[in-house]
Amino acid sequence: MLDSAAALLCVSDHRSYQGEPAMKLESVAKKSMHNVDLPVKYKRGLLDTTSLLYELYEMIDTHAVCDLAYSIEDALAVGVAELAISSAIKRNIDVIGLSGGVAYNEHITGRISESVKDAGFEFIAHKKIPCGDGGVSLGQAVIAGRSEGFS
């Protein structure tokens, strides 16, 4: 989603390493002074990222790229937070966490955290273990270390 937005906004037209377009998008978004309202929609219980990207495309000629970059990150964060909150309510869970490569994005993580806390939930995120592939590798090593026959 973030790679697509970066390409659409001409922030990044290729990827030399994983996460590059999303990181470039975040860098541009940090220069924003205005949040453009991108409507967050859902389809069959999922965030409709296609409509978010279409709305972004429709606004390219009328808004600054940095404002659109900030706004797509914000809309994505709001959508993810709303889905997590809804799911937590249905399951009677009071803690919501965020992991994965997107958790490296300060704006998205901050916005999700804010929404989750405003809804009365505890928010948790990585502090010592990497939120991307490094954390997965550590988890795999822990599981392997607990397996029978491994000393």
Protein backbone atom coordinates (compact mmCIF):
# COMPACT_ATOMS: atom_id res chain seq x y z
CA MET A 1 0.00 0.00 0.00
CA LEU A 2 2.72 2.47 1.00
CA ASP A 3 4.89 1.44 -1.95
CA SER A 4 1.93 2.07 -4.26
CA ALA A 5 1.30 5.49 -2.73
CA ALA A 6 4.98 6.38 -3.10
CA ALA A 7 4.88 5.40 -6.78
CA LEU A 8 1.60 7.26 -7.37
CA LEU A 9 3.03 10.43 -5.83
CA CYS A 10 6.29 10.04 -7.80
CA VAL A 11 8.23 9.82 -4.55
CA SER A 12 9.82 6.51 -5.55
CA ASP A 13 9.70 4.86 -8.95
CA HIS A 14 11.71 1.74 -8.07
CA ARG A 15 12.72 -0.32 -5.08
CA SER A 16 16.36 -1.24 -4.49
CA TYR A 17 15.65 -2.74 -1.06
CA GLN A 18 12.58 -3.75 0.92
CA GLY A 19 10.84 -0.78 2.51
CA GLU A 20 12.61 1.86 0.41
CA PRO A 21 9.49 3.43 -1.18
CA ALA A 22 7.66 3.50 2.17
CA MET A 23 10.67 5.11 3.83
CA LYS A 24 10.88 7.75 1.11
CA LEU A 25 7.14 8.39 1.48
CA GLU A 26 7.59 8.88 5.23
CA SER A 27 10.42 11.32 4.61
CA VAL A 28 8.25 13.41 2.29
CA ALA A 29 5.27 13.19 4.68
CA LYS A 30 7.35 14.71 7.49
CA LYS A 31 7.46 17.97 5.50
CA SER A 32 3.66 18.30 5.55
CA MET A 33 1.80 21.20 7.10
CA HIS A 34 -1.76 20.00 6.29
CA ASN A 35 -3.74 16.81 6.54
CA VAL A 36 -6.00 16.26 3.53
CA ASP A 37 -9.14 14.31 4.42
CA LEU A 38 -8.95 10.94 2.70
CA PRO A 39 -12.08 8.91 3.42
CA VAL A 40 -11.42 5.59 5.12
CA LYS A 41 -13.72 2.89 3.77
CA TYR A 42 -14.16 -0.79 4.51
CA LYS A 43 -15.24 -3.69 2.29
CA ARG A 44 -16.33 -6.96 3.86
CA GLY A 45 -14.59 -6.09 7.12
CA LEU A 46 -11.30 -5.11 5.49
CA LEU A 47 -9.69 -1.73 4.91
CA ASP A 48 -10.42 -0.71 1.31
CA THR A 49 -6.95 0.39 0.27
CA THR A 50 -7.99 0.52 -3.38
CA SER A 51 -10.42 3.37 -2.67
CA LEU A 52 -7.76 5.15 -0.57
CA LEU A 53 -5.31 5.02 -3.46
CA TYR A 54 -8.00 6.14 -5.91
CA GLU A 55 -8.87 9.14 -3.70
CA LEU A 56 -5.16 9.95 -3.45
CA TYR A 57 -4.90 9.83 -7.24
CA GLU A 58 -7.90 12.16 -7.61
CA MET A 59 -6.17 14.77 -5.39
CA ILE A 60 -2.72 14.78 -6.97
CA ASP A 61 -3.27 17.96 -9.00
CA THR A 62 -4.87 19.93 -6.17
CA HIS A 63 -2.63 19.29 -3.15
CA ALA A 64 1.05 19.31 -2.25
CA VAL A 65 2.77 15.94 -2.49
CA CYS A 66 3.98 16.16 1.11
CA ASP A 67 0.42 16.76 2.34
CA LEU A 68 -0.87 13.81 0.34
CA ALA A 69 1.95 11.59 1.62
CA TYR A 70 1.11 12.55 5.20
CA SER A 71 -2.59 12.06 4.59
CA ILE A 72 -2.30 8.58 3.09
CA GLU A 73 -0.21 7.48 6.06
CA ASP A 74 -2.75 9.02 8.42
CA ALA A 75 -5.73 7.40 6.70
CA LEU A 76 -4.01 4.01 6.71
CA ALA A 77 -3.26 4.37 10.43
CA VAL A 78 -6.83 5.38 11.25
CA GLY A 79 -8.22 2.46 9.25
CA VAL A 80 -5.91 -0.08 10.89
CA ALA A 81 -6.64 1.33 14.36
CA GLU A 82 -10.41 1.22 13.81
CA LEU A 83 -10.22 -2.41 12.66
CA ALA A 84 -8.04 -3.38 15.62
CA ILE A 85 -10.35 -1.61 18.09
CA SER A 86 -13.43 -3.25 16.59
CA SER A 87 -11.79 -6.67 16.75
CA ALA A 88 -10.61 -6.12 20.35
CA ILE A 89 -14.13 -5.12 21.42
CA LYS A 90 -15.64 -8.26 19.82
CA ARG A 91 -13.07 -10.46 21.56
CA ASN A 92 -13.11 -8.63 24.89
CA ILE A 93 -9.38 -7.82 24.65
CA ASP A 94 -7.99 -4.71 26.31
CA VAL A 95 -4.49 -4.58 24.78
CA ILE A 96 -3.71 -3.83 21.13
CA GLY A 97 -0.22 -4.20 19.66
CA LEU A 98 1.50 -3.26 16.43
CA SER A 99 4.31 -5.14 14.73
CA GLY A 100 5.80 -5.61 11.28
CA GLY A 101 7.77 -3.31 9.04
CA VAL A 102 5.13 -0.57 9.07
CA ALA A 103 5.76 -0.13 12.80
CA TYR A 104 9.05 1.57 11.87
CA ASN A 105 7.00 4.49 10.52
CA GLU A 106 6.75 6.98 13.40
CA HIS A 107 3.69 8.79 12.04
CA ILE A 108 1.67 5.63 11.46
CA THR A 109 2.67 4.06 14.77
CA GLY A 110 1.98 7.29 16.66
CA ARG A 111 -1.44 7.73 15.06
CA ILE A 112 -2.45 4.13 15.74
CA SER A 113 -1.24 4.44 19.34
CA GLU A 114 -3.21 7.66 19.81
CA SER A 115 -6.42 6.16 18.40
CA VAL A 116 -6.08 2.98 20.45
CA LYS A 117 -5.43 4.87 23.69
CA ASP A 118 -8.26 7.35 22.99
CA ALA A 119 -10.59 4.35 22.68
CA GLY A 120 -9.54 3.17 26.16
CA PHE A 121 -7.17 0.36 25.20
CA GLU A 122 -3.55 -0.23 26.14
CA PHE A 123 -1.18 0.05 23.17
CA ILE A 124 2.00 -2.00 22.96
CA ALA A 125 4.85 -1.85 20.45
CA HIS A 126 8.40 -3.09 20.15
CA LYS A 127 11.11 -1.47 22.23
CA LYS A 128 14.06 -3.89 22.29
CA ILE A 129 13.26 -6.37 19.53
CA PRO A 130 13.06 -5.17 15.91
CA CYS A 131 9.50 -4.94 14.60
CA GLY A 132 10.43 -6.28 11.17
CA ASP A 133 12.27 -9.37 9.96
CA GLY A 134 14.86 -9.20 12.77
CA GLY A 135 12.10 -9.85 15.29
CA VAL A 136 10.81 -12.76 13.23
CA SER A 137 14.32 -14.26 13.17
CA LEU A 138 14.63 -13.89 16.93
CA GLY A 139 11.25 -15.55 17.43
CA GLN A 140 12.27 -18.43 15.19
CA ALA A 141 15.49 -18.85 17.17
CA VAL A 142 13.55 -18.92 20.46
CA ILE A 143 11.13 -21.55 19.12
CA ALA A 144 14.00 -23.63 17.73
CA GLY A 145 15.74 -23.41 21.10
CA ARG A 146 12.66 -24.78 22.84
CA SER A 147 12.23 -27.68 20.41
CA GLU A 148 12.94 -31.20 21.59
CA GLY A 149 16.36 -32.49 20.72
CA PHE A 150 17.88 -29.02 20.49
CA SER A 151 20.54 -28.38 23.10
